[in-house]
Amino acid sequence: MFRVAAPGQLRRAASLLRFQSTLVIAEHADDSLAPITLNTITAAKHLGGEVSCLVAGTKCDKVAQDLCKVAGVAKVLVAQHDAYKGLLPEELTPLILATQKQFNYTHICAGASAFGKDLKLLSVFLSYVSMYVASSTSPVGMSEWLDQKLTKSDRPELTGAKVVVSGGRGLKSGENFKLLYDLADQLHAAVGASRAAVDAGFVPNDMQVGQTGKIVAPELYIAVGISGAIQHLAGMKDSKTIVAINKDPEAPIFQVADYGIVADLFKVVPEMTELLKKK
């Protein structure tokens, strides 16, 4: 049975949608915008209403200009101060909350990266954070950014990669992850891992994909030797195409995979790599 809404209720619903607005916290480094920020903007547009971006740091001009060219961004807010060097969450949180208070944003979004998780403000309704409002918007130097040393890598960053190759406990050792690195090099892909592989000491924590690791949504996700625990699926289920390689035909990963290969990964992966090298 359908309930007929009164005209006043319809007007209120339309009004709420019209005044809905989202603030996206931009992530950047060395004057370049992180790809995950563009993904966050896309997600923010699905919420409806106006989308604005907040850029904080010491040199934000280039990043702000790049954001002005992004379709769907109505406003770019820039905060330049030495206190925002390194984008430390202790310094950014008061700024973000003060910005929300000034412009009355209904949603705040940040990418599902280490930066975004530190802020703990990914797609959070403001009713959950309004209990804490900074008493002053002036930077107070709660933390100090000392230095950052970046190493250049030809492999894309995990959360922003279009192709991700991930390995699980089925690889049996950290040395065997070289099979995935070789395959990833041919696909220009990032390399990730399941929690089981991280817990086993095969690879470092920053490679973990899953509910307690990094959230990825690439165009192609290749799961190698991964059983498919719920915790891992939560971190990659939004991938456009999922390919699973596992010798166990009953592995849960096949239930979410678009394509599955039931075979020995130690034979299949090198064969895939060699075929790609010939192209």
C-alpha atoms as a PDB file:
ATOM      1  CA  MET A   1       0.000   0.000   0.000  1.00  0.00           C
ATOM      2  CA  PHE A   2       1.289   3.453  -0.908  1.00  0.00           C
ATOM      3  CA  ARG A   3       0.996   6.437   1.383  1.00  0.00           C
ATOM      4  CA  VAL A   4       0.157   9.737  -0.281  1.00  0.00           C
ATOM      5  CA  ALA A   5       2.493  12.489   0.880  1.00  0.00           C
ATOM      6  CA  ALA A   6       1.019  15.859   1.717  1.00  0.00           C
ATOM      7  CA  PRO A   7       2.135  18.810  -0.474  1.00  0.00           C
ATOM      8  CA  GLY A   8       4.026  20.275   2.473  1.00  0.00           C
ATOM      9  CA  GLN A   9       6.047  17.074   2.853  1.00  0.00           C
ATOM     10  CA  LEU A  10       6.963  17.118  -0.834  1.00  0.00           C
ATOM     11  CA  ARG A  11       8.101  20.716  -0.581  1.00  0.00           C
ATOM     12  CA  ARG A  12      10.284  19.891   2.429  1.00  0.00           C
ATOM     13  CA  ALA A  13      11.875  16.936   0.601  1.00  0.00           C
ATOM     14  CA  ALA A  14      12.658  19.099  -2.432  1.00  0.00           C
ATOM     15  CA  SER A  15      14.046  21.796  -0.171  1.00  0.00           C
ATOM     16  CA  LEU A  16      16.383  19.352   1.582  1.00  0.00           C
ATOM     17  CA  LEU A  17      17.758  18.161  -1.758  1.00  0.00           C
ATOM     18  CA  ARG A  18      18.190  21.715  -3.025  1.00  0.00           C
ATOM     19  CA  PHE A  19      20.179  22.809   0.024  1.00  0.00           C
ATOM     20  CA  GLN A  20      22.305  19.673   0.204  1.00  0.00           C
ATOM     21  CA  SER A  21      26.000  20.366  -0.358  1.00  0.00           C
ATOM     22  CA  THR A  22      29.243  18.441  -0.066  1.00  0.00           C
ATOM     23  CA  LEU A  23      32.777  19.484   0.845  1.00  0.00           C
ATOM     24  CA  VAL A  24      35.570  17.345  -0.619  1.00  0.00           C
ATOM     25  CA  ILE A  25      38.926  17.466   1.158  1.00  0.00           C
ATOM     26  CA  ALA A  26      41.606  17.535  -1.542  1.00  0.00           C
ATOM     27  CA  GLU A  27      44.652  15.326  -1.157  1.00  0.00           C
ATOM     28  CA  HIS A  28      47.814  16.473  -2.900  1.00  0.00           C
ATOM     29  CA  ALA A  29      51.604  16.275  -2.819  1.00  0.00           C
ATOM     30  CA  ASP A  30      54.339  18.270  -4.538  1.00  0.00           C
ATOM     31  CA  ASP A  31      51.834  20.530  -6.288  1.00  0.00           C
ATOM     32  CA  SER A  32      50.052  17.555  -7.879  1.00  0.00           C
ATOM     33  CA  LEU A  33      46.511  16.437  -7.128  1.00  0.00           C
ATOM     34  CA  ALA A  34      46.122  12.848  -5.924  1.00  0.00           C
ATOM     35  CA  PRO A  35      43.979  10.790  -8.353  1.00  0.00           C
ATOM     36  CA  ILE A  36      41.846   9.562  -5.452  1.00  0.00           C
ATOM     37  CA  THR A  37      40.548  13.119  -4.997  1.00  0.00           C
ATOM     38  CA  LEU A  38      38.963  12.966  -8.454  1.00  0.00           C
ATOM     39  CA  ASN A  39      37.285   9.686  -7.482  1.00  0.00           C
ATOM     40  CA  THR A  40      36.000  11.333  -4.318  1.00  0.00           C
ATOM     41  CA  ILE A  41      34.539  14.219  -6.322  1.00  0.00           C
ATOM     42  CA  THR A  42      32.715  11.724  -8.538  1.00  0.00           C
ATOM     43  CA  ALA A  43      31.256  10.025  -5.457  1.00  0.00           C
ATOM     44  CA  ALA A  44      30.295  13.392  -3.962  1.00  0.00           C
ATOM     45  CA  LYS A  45      28.339  14.324  -7.086  1.00  0.00           C
ATOM     46  CA  HIS A  46      26.148  11.251  -6.583  1.00  0.00           C
ATOM     47  CA  LEU A  47      25.064  12.648  -3.213  1.00  0.00           C
ATOM     48  CA  GLY A  48      23.361  15.523  -5.018  1.00  0.00           C
ATOM     49  CA  GLY A  49      23.653  19.248  -4.475  1.00  0.00           C
ATOM     50  CA  GLU A  50      26.662  21.515  -4.874  1.00  0.00           C
ATOM     51  CA  VAL A  51      30.204  20.139  -4.568  1.00  0.00           C
ATOM     52  CA  SER A  52      33.051  22.275  -3.212  1.00  0.00           C
ATOM     53  CA  CYS A  53      36.706  21.385  -2.636  1.00  0.00           C
ATOM     54  CA  LEU A  54      38.968  22.465   0.212  1.00  0.00           C
ATOM     55  CA  VAL A  55      42.685  22.704  -0.586  1.00  0.00           C
ATOM     56  CA  ALA A  56      45.031  23.241   2.352  1.00  0.00           C
ATOM     57  CA  GLY A  57      48.808  23.460   2.388  1.00  0.00           C
ATOM     58  CA  THR A  58      51.726  25.804   1.860  1.00  0.00           C
ATOM     59  CA  LYS A  59      51.700  25.977  -1.951  1.00  0.00           C
ATOM     60  CA  CYS A  60      48.217  25.295  -3.254  1.00  0.00           C
ATOM     61  CA  ASP A  61      47.926  27.476  -6.362  1.00  0.00           C
ATOM     62  CA  LYS A  62      48.522  24.768  -8.972  1.00  0.00           C
ATOM     63  CA  VAL A  63      46.286  22.229  -7.227  1.00  0.00           C
ATOM     64  CA  ALA A  64      43.522  24.825  -6.861  1.00  0.00           C
ATOM     65  CA  GLN A  65      43.781  25.690 -10.557  1.00  0.00           C
ATOM     66  CA  ASP A  66      43.562  22.012 -11.496  1.00  0.00           C
ATOM     67  CA  LEU A  67      40.452  21.581  -9.351  1.00  0.00           C
ATOM     68  CA  CYS A  68      38.801  24.585 -10.992  1.00  0.00           C
ATOM     69  CA  LYS A  69      38.905  22.650 -14.265  1.00  0.00           C
ATOM     70  CA  VAL A  70      37.173  19.566 -12.849  1.00  0.00           C
ATOM     71  CA  ALA A  71      33.585  19.164 -14.031  1.00  0.00           C
ATOM     72  CA  GLY A  72      31.035  19.353 -11.248  1.00  0.00           C
ATOM     73  CA  VAL A  73      33.125  21.385  -8.807  1.00  0.00           C
ATOM     74  CA  ALA A  74      31.215  24.571  -8.022  1.00  0.00           C
ATOM     75  CA  LYS A  75      33.685  26.167  -5.629  1.00  0.00           C
ATOM     76  CA  VAL A  76      37.341  25.750  -4.612  1.00  0.00           C
ATOM     77  CA  LEU A  77      38.356  26.980  -1.153  1.00  0.00           C
ATOM     78  CA  VAL A  78      42.066  27.535  -0.510  1.00  0.00           C
ATOM     79  CA  ALA A  79      43.790  27.705   2.890  1.00  0.00           C
ATOM     80  CA  GLN A  80      47.530  28.431   2.744  1.00  0.00           C
ATOM     81  CA  HIS A  81      49.560  28.426   5.950  1.00  0.00           C
ATOM     82  CA  ASP A  82      52.770  26.833   7.212  1.00  0.00           C
ATOM     83  CA  ALA A  83      50.726  24.889   9.782  1.00  0.00           C
ATOM     84  CA  TYR A  84      49.124  22.900   6.960  1.00  0.00           C
ATOM     85  CA  LYS A  85      52.442  21.617   5.650  1.00  0.00           C
ATOM     86  CA  GLY A  86      52.222  17.848   5.307  1.00  0.00           C
ATOM     87  CA  LEU A  87      48.414  17.863   5.693  1.00  0.00           C
ATOM     88  CA  LEU A  88      48.527  16.720   9.300  1.00  0.00           C
ATOM     89  CA  PRO A  89      45.028  15.750  10.542  1.00  0.00           C
ATOM     90  CA  GLU A  90      45.581  17.516  13.877  1.00  0.00           C
ATOM     91  CA  GLU A  91      45.876  20.815  12.033  1.00  0.00           C
ATOM     92  CA  LEU A  92      43.309  20.169   9.311  1.00  0.00           C
ATOM     93  CA  THR A  93      40.414  19.031  11.512  1.00  0.00           C
ATOM     94  CA  PRO A  94      39.737  22.467  13.078  1.00  0.00           C
ATOM     95  CA  LEU A  95      39.971  24.039   9.613  1.00  0.00           C
ATOM     96  CA  ILE A  96      37.525  21.529   8.122  1.00  0.00           C
ATOM     97  CA  LEU A  97      34.989  21.959  10.906  1.00  0.00           C
ATOM     98  CA  ALA A  98      35.250  25.745  10.757  1.00  0.00           C
ATOM     99  CA  THR A  99      34.716  25.593   6.980  1.00  0.00           C
ATOM    100  CA  GLN A 100      31.644  23.417   7.441  1.00  0.00           C
ATOM    101  CA  LYS A 101      30.246  25.800  10.014  1.00  0.00           C
ATOM    102  CA  GLN A 102      30.778  28.817   7.755  1.00  0.00           C
ATOM    103  CA  PHE A 103      29.276  27.291   4.592  1.00  0.00           C
ATOM    104  CA  ASN A 104      26.809  24.808   6.182  1.00  0.00           C
ATOM    105  CA  TYR A 105      27.898  21.741   4.228  1.00  0.00           C
ATOM    106  CA  THR A 106      25.696  18.703   4.795  1.00  0.00           C
ATOM    107  CA  HIS A 107      28.400  16.173   3.893  1.00  0.00           C
ATOM    108  CA  ILE A 108      32.186  15.989   4.087  1.00  0.00           C
ATOM    109  CA  CYS A 109      34.090  13.503   1.912  1.00  0.00           C
ATOM    110  CA  ALA A 110      37.717  12.433   1.693  1.00  0.00           C
ATOM    111  CA  GLY A 111      39.383   9.609  -0.197  1.00  0.00           C
ATOM    112  CA  ALA A 112      39.725   6.150   1.323  1.00  0.00           C
ATOM    113  CA  SER A 113      43.485   6.577   1.683  1.00  0.00           C
ATOM    114  CA  ALA A 114      45.660   6.807   4.779  1.00  0.00           C
ATOM    115  CA  PHE A 115      45.134  10.579   4.625  1.00  0.00           C
ATOM    116  CA  GLY A 116      41.344  10.275   4.464  1.00  0.00           C
ATOM    117  CA  LYS A 117      41.155   7.618   7.160  1.00  0.00           C
ATOM    118  CA  ASP A 118      43.241   9.752   9.504  1.00  0.00           C
ATOM    119  CA  LEU A 119      40.691  12.525   9.126  1.00  0.00           C
ATOM    120  CA  LYS A 120      37.860  10.055   9.796  1.00  0.00           C
ATOM    121  CA  LEU A 121      35.536  12.211   7.735  1.00  0.00           C
ATOM    122  CA  LEU A 122      34.748  10.036   4.732  1.00  0.00           C
ATOM    123  CA  SER A 123      31.113  10.644   3.758  1.00  0.00           C
ATOM    124  CA  VAL A 124      30.140  11.499   7.322  1.00  0.00           C
ATOM    125  CA  PHE A 125      26.870  13.273   8.053  1.00  0.00           C
ATOM    126  CA  LEU A 126      27.593  16.428   9.944  1.00  0.00           C
ATOM    127  CA  SER A 127      25.306  15.440  12.776  1.00  0.00           C
ATOM    128  CA  TYR A 128      27.995  12.989  13.870  1.00  0.00           C
ATOM    129  CA  VAL A 129      30.764  15.554  14.045  1.00  0.00           C
ATOM    130  CA  SER A 130      28.950  18.722  15.037  1.00  0.00           C
ATOM    131  CA  MET A 131      29.393  17.872  18.720  1.00  0.00           C
ATOM    132  CA  TYR A 132      32.996  18.978  18.370  1.00  0.00           C
ATOM    133  CA  VAL A 133      33.568  22.458  17.000  1.00  0.00           C
ATOM    134  CA  ALA A 134      36.958  24.123  17.129  1.00  0.00           C
ATOM    135  CA  SER A 135      37.041  27.123  19.422  1.00  0.00           C
ATOM    136  CA  SER A 136      39.458  28.899  17.110  1.00  0.00           C
ATOM    137  CA  THR A 137      40.161  28.661  13.387  1.00  0.00           C
ATOM    138  CA  SER A 138      43.714  29.922  13.790  1.00  0.00           C
ATOM    139  CA  PRO A 139      46.430  27.274  13.367  1.00  0.00           C
ATOM    140  CA  VAL A 140      47.934  26.541  16.774  1.00  0.00           C
ATOM    141  CA  GLY A 141      50.779  24.198  15.885  1.00  0.00           C
ATOM    142  CA  MET A 142      49.477  21.047  17.566  1.00  0.00           C
ATOM    143  CA  SER A 143      51.901  19.007  15.450  1.00  0.00           C
ATOM    144  CA  GLU A 144      54.917  19.914  13.381  1.00  0.00           C
ATOM    145  CA  TRP A 145      55.729  18.542   9.926  1.00  0.00           C
ATOM    146  CA  LEU A 146      59.440  17.779   9.784  1.00  0.00           C
ATOM    147  CA  ASP A 147      60.271  16.306   6.400  1.00  0.00           C
ATOM    148  CA  GLN A 148      59.119  14.018   3.632  1.00  0.00           C
ATOM    149  CA  LYS A 149      61.276  12.000   1.286  1.00  0.00           C
ATOM    150  CA  LEU A 150      59.529  10.709  -1.816  1.00  0.00           C
ATOM    151  CA  THR A 151      60.882   7.890  -3.943  1.00  0.00           C
ATOM    152  CA  LYS A 152      59.912   7.786  -7.594  1.00  0.00           C
ATOM    153  CA  SER A 153      58.122   4.638  -8.709  1.00  0.00           C
ATOM    154  CA  ASP A 154      56.935   3.600 -12.143  1.00  0.00           C
ATOM    155  CA  ARG A 155      54.141   1.621 -10.491  1.00  0.00           C
ATOM    156  CA  PRO A 156      50.912   3.564  -9.758  1.00  0.00           C
ATOM    157  CA  GLU A 157      49.657   4.247  -6.246  1.00  0.00           C
ATOM    158  CA  LEU A 158      47.368   1.478  -5.001  1.00  0.00           C
ATOM    159  CA  THR A 159      44.189   3.451  -4.313  1.00  0.00           C
ATOM    160  CA  GLY A 160      44.347   5.389  -7.583  1.00  0.00           C
ATOM    161  CA  ALA A 161      45.443   2.627  -9.970  1.00  0.00           C
ATOM    162  CA  LYS A 162      43.286   1.544 -12.907  1.00  0.00           C
ATOM    163  CA  VAL A 163      44.633  -2.004 -12.623  1.00  0.00           C
ATOM    164  CA  VAL A 164      45.476  -3.808  -9.377  1.00  0.00           C
ATOM    165  CA  VAL A 165      47.109  -7.221  -8.973  1.00  0.00           C
ATOM    166  CA  SER A 166      46.742  -8.601  -5.442  1.00  0.00           C
ATOM    167  CA  GLY A 167      48.214 -11.681  -3.831  1.00  0.00           C
ATOM    168  CA  GLY A 168      47.122 -13.812  -0.909  1.00  0.00           C
ATOM    169  CA  ARG A 169      48.452 -16.530   1.320  1.00  0.00           C
ATOM    170  CA  GLY A 170      48.443 -18.857  -1.680  1.00  0.00           C
ATOM    171  CA  LEU A 171      51.711 -17.255  -2.805  1.00  0.00           C
ATOM    172  CA  LYS A 172      53.357 -18.977   0.191  1.00  0.00           C
ATOM    173  CA  SER A 173      56.164 -16.410   0.669  1.00  0.00           C
ATOM    174  CA  GLY A 174      57.161 -12.809   0.172  1.00  0.00           C
ATOM    175  CA  GLU A 175      59.727 -13.834  -2.436  1.00  0.00           C
ATOM    176  CA  ASN A 176      56.968 -15.270  -4.599  1.00  0.00           C
ATOM    177  CA  PHE A 177      55.318 -11.852  -4.812  1.00  0.00           C
ATOM    178  CA  LYS A 178      57.906 -11.195  -7.536  1.00  0.00           C
ATOM    179  CA  LEU A 179      55.546 -13.126  -9.803  1.00  0.00           C
ATOM    180  CA  LEU A 180      52.941 -10.430  -9.210  1.00  0.00           C
ATOM    181  CA  TYR A 181      55.409  -7.575  -9.647  1.00  0.00           C
ATOM    182  CA  ASP A 182      56.445  -8.977 -13.032  1.00  0.00           C
ATOM    183  CA  LEU A 183      52.811  -9.288 -14.113  1.00  0.00           C
ATOM    184  CA  ALA A 184      51.974  -5.834 -12.769  1.00  0.00           C
ATOM    185  CA  ASP A 185      54.844  -4.288 -14.735  1.00  0.00           C
ATOM    186  CA  GLN A 186      53.308  -5.570 -17.963  1.00  0.00           C
ATOM    187  CA  LEU A 187      49.877  -4.192 -17.021  1.00  0.00           C
ATOM    188  CA  HIS A 188      51.139  -0.900 -15.531  1.00  0.00           C
ATOM    189  CA  ALA A 189      49.353  -2.033 -12.379  1.00  0.00           C
ATOM    190  CA  ALA A 190      49.650  -1.508  -8.650  1.00  0.00           C
ATOM    191  CA  VAL A 191      50.291  -4.489  -6.385  1.00  0.00           C
ATOM    192  CA  GLY A 192      48.170  -5.224  -3.324  1.00  0.00           C
ATOM    193  CA  ALA A 193      47.719  -8.047  -0.862  1.00  0.00           C
ATOM    194  CA  SER A 194      45.174  -9.729   1.361  1.00  0.00           C
ATOM    195  CA  ARG A 195      45.281  -9.422   5.132  1.00  0.00           C
ATOM    196  CA  ALA A 196      46.377 -13.052   5.351  1.00  0.00           C
ATOM    197  CA  ALA A 197      49.456 -12.273   3.245  1.00  0.00           C
ATOM    198  CA  VAL A 198      50.252  -9.215   5.366  1.00  0.00           C
ATOM    199  CA  ASP A 199      49.761 -11.105   8.650  1.00  0.00           C
ATOM    200  CA  ALA A 200      52.059 -13.838   7.353  1.00  0.00           C
ATOM    201  CA  GLY A 201      54.769 -11.221   6.848  1.00  0.00           C
ATOM    202  CA  PHE A 202      54.918 -11.606   3.064  1.00  0.00           C
ATOM    203  CA  VAL A 203      54.463  -7.873   2.376  1.00  0.00           C
ATOM    204  CA  PRO A 204      54.150  -4.619   4.391  1.00  0.00           C
ATOM    205  CA  ASN A 205      50.873  -3.273   5.810  1.00  0.00           C
ATOM    206  CA  ASP A 206      50.563  -0.462   3.259  1.00  0.00           C
ATOM    207  CA  MET A 207      49.849  -3.059   0.564  1.00  0.00           C
ATOM    208  CA  GLN A 208      46.804  -4.483   2.327  1.00  0.00           C
ATOM    209  CA  VAL A 209      43.482  -4.294   0.491  1.00  0.00           C
ATOM    210  CA  GLY A 210      40.390  -4.758   2.610  1.00  0.00           C
ATOM    211  CA  GLN A 211      38.120  -3.388   5.275  1.00  0.00           C
ATOM    212  CA  THR A 212      41.042  -2.638   7.591  1.00  0.00           C
ATOM    213  CA  GLY A 213      43.393  -1.772   4.732  1.00  0.00           C
ATOM    214  CA  LYS A 214      42.963   0.236   1.563  1.00  0.00           C
ATOM    215  CA  ILE A 215      39.753   0.484  -0.439  1.00  0.00           C
ATOM    216  CA  VAL A 216      40.255   0.150  -4.192  1.00  0.00           C
ATOM    217  CA  ALA A 217      37.899   0.310  -7.168  1.00  0.00           C
ATOM    218  CA  PRO A 218      40.037  -0.189 -10.287  1.00  0.00           C
ATOM    219  CA  GLU A 219      38.831  -1.019 -13.776  1.00  0.00           C
ATOM    220  CA  LEU A 220      40.555  -4.407 -13.444  1.00  0.00           C
ATOM    221  CA  TYR A 221      41.304  -6.306 -10.219  1.00  0.00           C
ATOM    222  CA  ILE A 222      43.256  -9.568 -10.407  1.00  0.00           C
ATOM    223  CA  ALA A 223      43.128 -11.664  -7.231  1.00  0.00           C
ATOM    224  CA  VAL A 224      45.895 -14.265  -7.117  1.00  0.00           C
ATOM    225  CA  GLY A 225      45.882 -16.956  -4.444  1.00  0.00           C
ATOM    226  CA  ILE A 226      43.241 -15.092  -2.437  1.00  0.00           C
ATOM    227  CA  SER A 227      40.439 -17.140  -0.899  1.00  0.00           C
ATOM    228  CA  GLY A 228      38.003 -14.234  -0.679  1.00  0.00           C
ATOM    229  CA  ALA A 229      37.367 -13.469   2.982  1.00  0.00           C
ATOM    230  CA  ILE A 230      34.604 -10.931   3.648  1.00  0.00           C
ATOM    231  CA  GLN A 231      37.170  -8.489   5.032  1.00  0.00           C
ATOM    232  CA  HIS A 232      39.065  -8.521   1.723  1.00  0.00           C
ATOM    233  CA  LEU A 233      35.962  -8.363  -0.459  1.00  0.00           C
ATOM    234  CA  ALA A 234      34.896  -5.182   1.335  1.00  0.00           C
ATOM    235  CA  GLY A 235      37.999  -3.481   0.001  1.00  0.00           C
ATOM    236  CA  MET A 236      37.692  -4.418  -3.683  1.00  0.00           C
ATOM    237  CA  LYS A 237      34.057  -5.336  -4.398  1.00  0.00           C
ATOM    238  CA  ASP A 238      33.463  -2.122  -6.383  1.00  0.00           C
ATOM    239  CA  SER A 239      36.104  -3.040  -8.974  1.00  0.00           C
ATOM    240  CA  LYS A 240      34.679  -2.904 -12.504  1.00  0.00           C
ATOM    241  CA  THR A 241      36.073  -6.292 -13.569  1.00  0.00           C
ATOM    242  CA  ILE A 242      37.366  -8.946 -11.171  1.00  0.00           C
ATOM    243  CA  VAL A 243      39.563 -11.862 -12.247  1.00  0.00           C
ATOM    244  CA  ALA A 244      40.325 -14.614  -9.717  1.00  0.00           C
ATOM    245  CA  ILE A 245      43.120 -17.184  -9.914  1.00  0.00           C
ATOM    246  CA  ASN A 246      42.918 -19.972  -7.334  1.00  0.00           C
ATOM    247  CA  LYS A 247      43.425 -23.731  -7.360  1.00  0.00           C
ATOM    248  CA  ASP A 248      40.427 -24.243  -5.050  1.00  0.00           C
ATOM    249  CA  PRO A 249      37.201 -24.204  -7.129  1.00  0.00           C
ATOM    250  CA  GLU A 250      35.183 -23.624  -3.944  1.00  0.00           C
ATOM    251  CA  ALA A 251      37.066 -20.450  -2.959  1.00  0.00           C
ATOM    252  CA  PRO A 252      34.587 -17.642  -2.094  1.00  0.00           C
ATOM    253  CA  ILE A 253      36.462 -15.221  -4.376  1.00  0.00           C
ATOM    254  CA  PHE A 254      34.879 -16.946  -7.388  1.00  0.00           C
ATOM    255  CA  GLN A 255      31.422 -15.868  -6.203  1.00  0.00           C
ATOM    256  CA  VAL A 256      32.264 -12.207  -6.870  1.00  0.00           C
ATOM    257  CA  ALA A 257      34.643 -12.704  -9.804  1.00  0.00           C
ATOM    258  CA  ASP A 258      33.622 -11.881 -13.364  1.00  0.00           C
ATOM    259  CA  TYR A 259      36.222 -14.329 -14.652  1.00  0.00           C
ATOM    260  CA  GLY A 260      37.796 -17.239 -12.799  1.00  0.00           C
ATOM    261  CA  ILE A 261      40.803 -19.455 -13.455  1.00  0.00           C
ATOM    262  CA  VAL A 262      40.966 -22.666 -11.420  1.00  0.00           C
ATOM    263  CA  ALA A 263      44.632 -23.536 -11.706  1.00  0.00           C
ATOM    264  CA  ASP A 264      48.042 -23.421 -10.070  1.00  0.00           C
ATOM    265  CA  LEU A 265      49.005 -19.734  -9.805  1.00  0.00           C
ATOM    266  CA  PHE A 266      52.700 -20.637 -10.064  1.00  0.00           C
ATOM    267  CA  LYS A 267      52.049 -21.847 -13.619  1.00  0.00           C
ATOM    268  CA  VAL A 268      49.322 -19.441 -14.737  1.00  0.00           C
ATOM    269  CA  VAL A 269      50.841 -16.126 -13.632  1.00  0.00           C
ATOM    270  CA  PRO A 270      54.231 -16.604 -15.389  1.00  0.00           C
ATOM    271  CA  GLU A 271      52.374 -17.705 -18.541  1.00  0.00           C
ATOM    272  CA  MET A 272      50.234 -14.560 -18.451  1.00  0.00           C
ATOM    273  CA  THR A 273      53.337 -12.417 -17.995  1.00  0.00           C
ATOM    274  CA  GLU A 274      55.127 -14.028 -20.948  1.00  0.00           C
ATOM    275  CA  LEU A 275      52.084 -13.604 -23.201  1.00  0.00           C
ATOM    276  CA  LEU A 276      51.874  -9.916 -22.316  1.00  0.00           C
ATOM    277  CA  LYS A 277      55.589  -9.443 -23.033  1.00  0.00           C
ATOM    278  CA  LYS A 278      55.047 -10.719 -26.568  1.00  0.00           C
ATOM    279  CA  LYS A 279      52.403  -8.089 -27.313  1.00  0.00           C
END
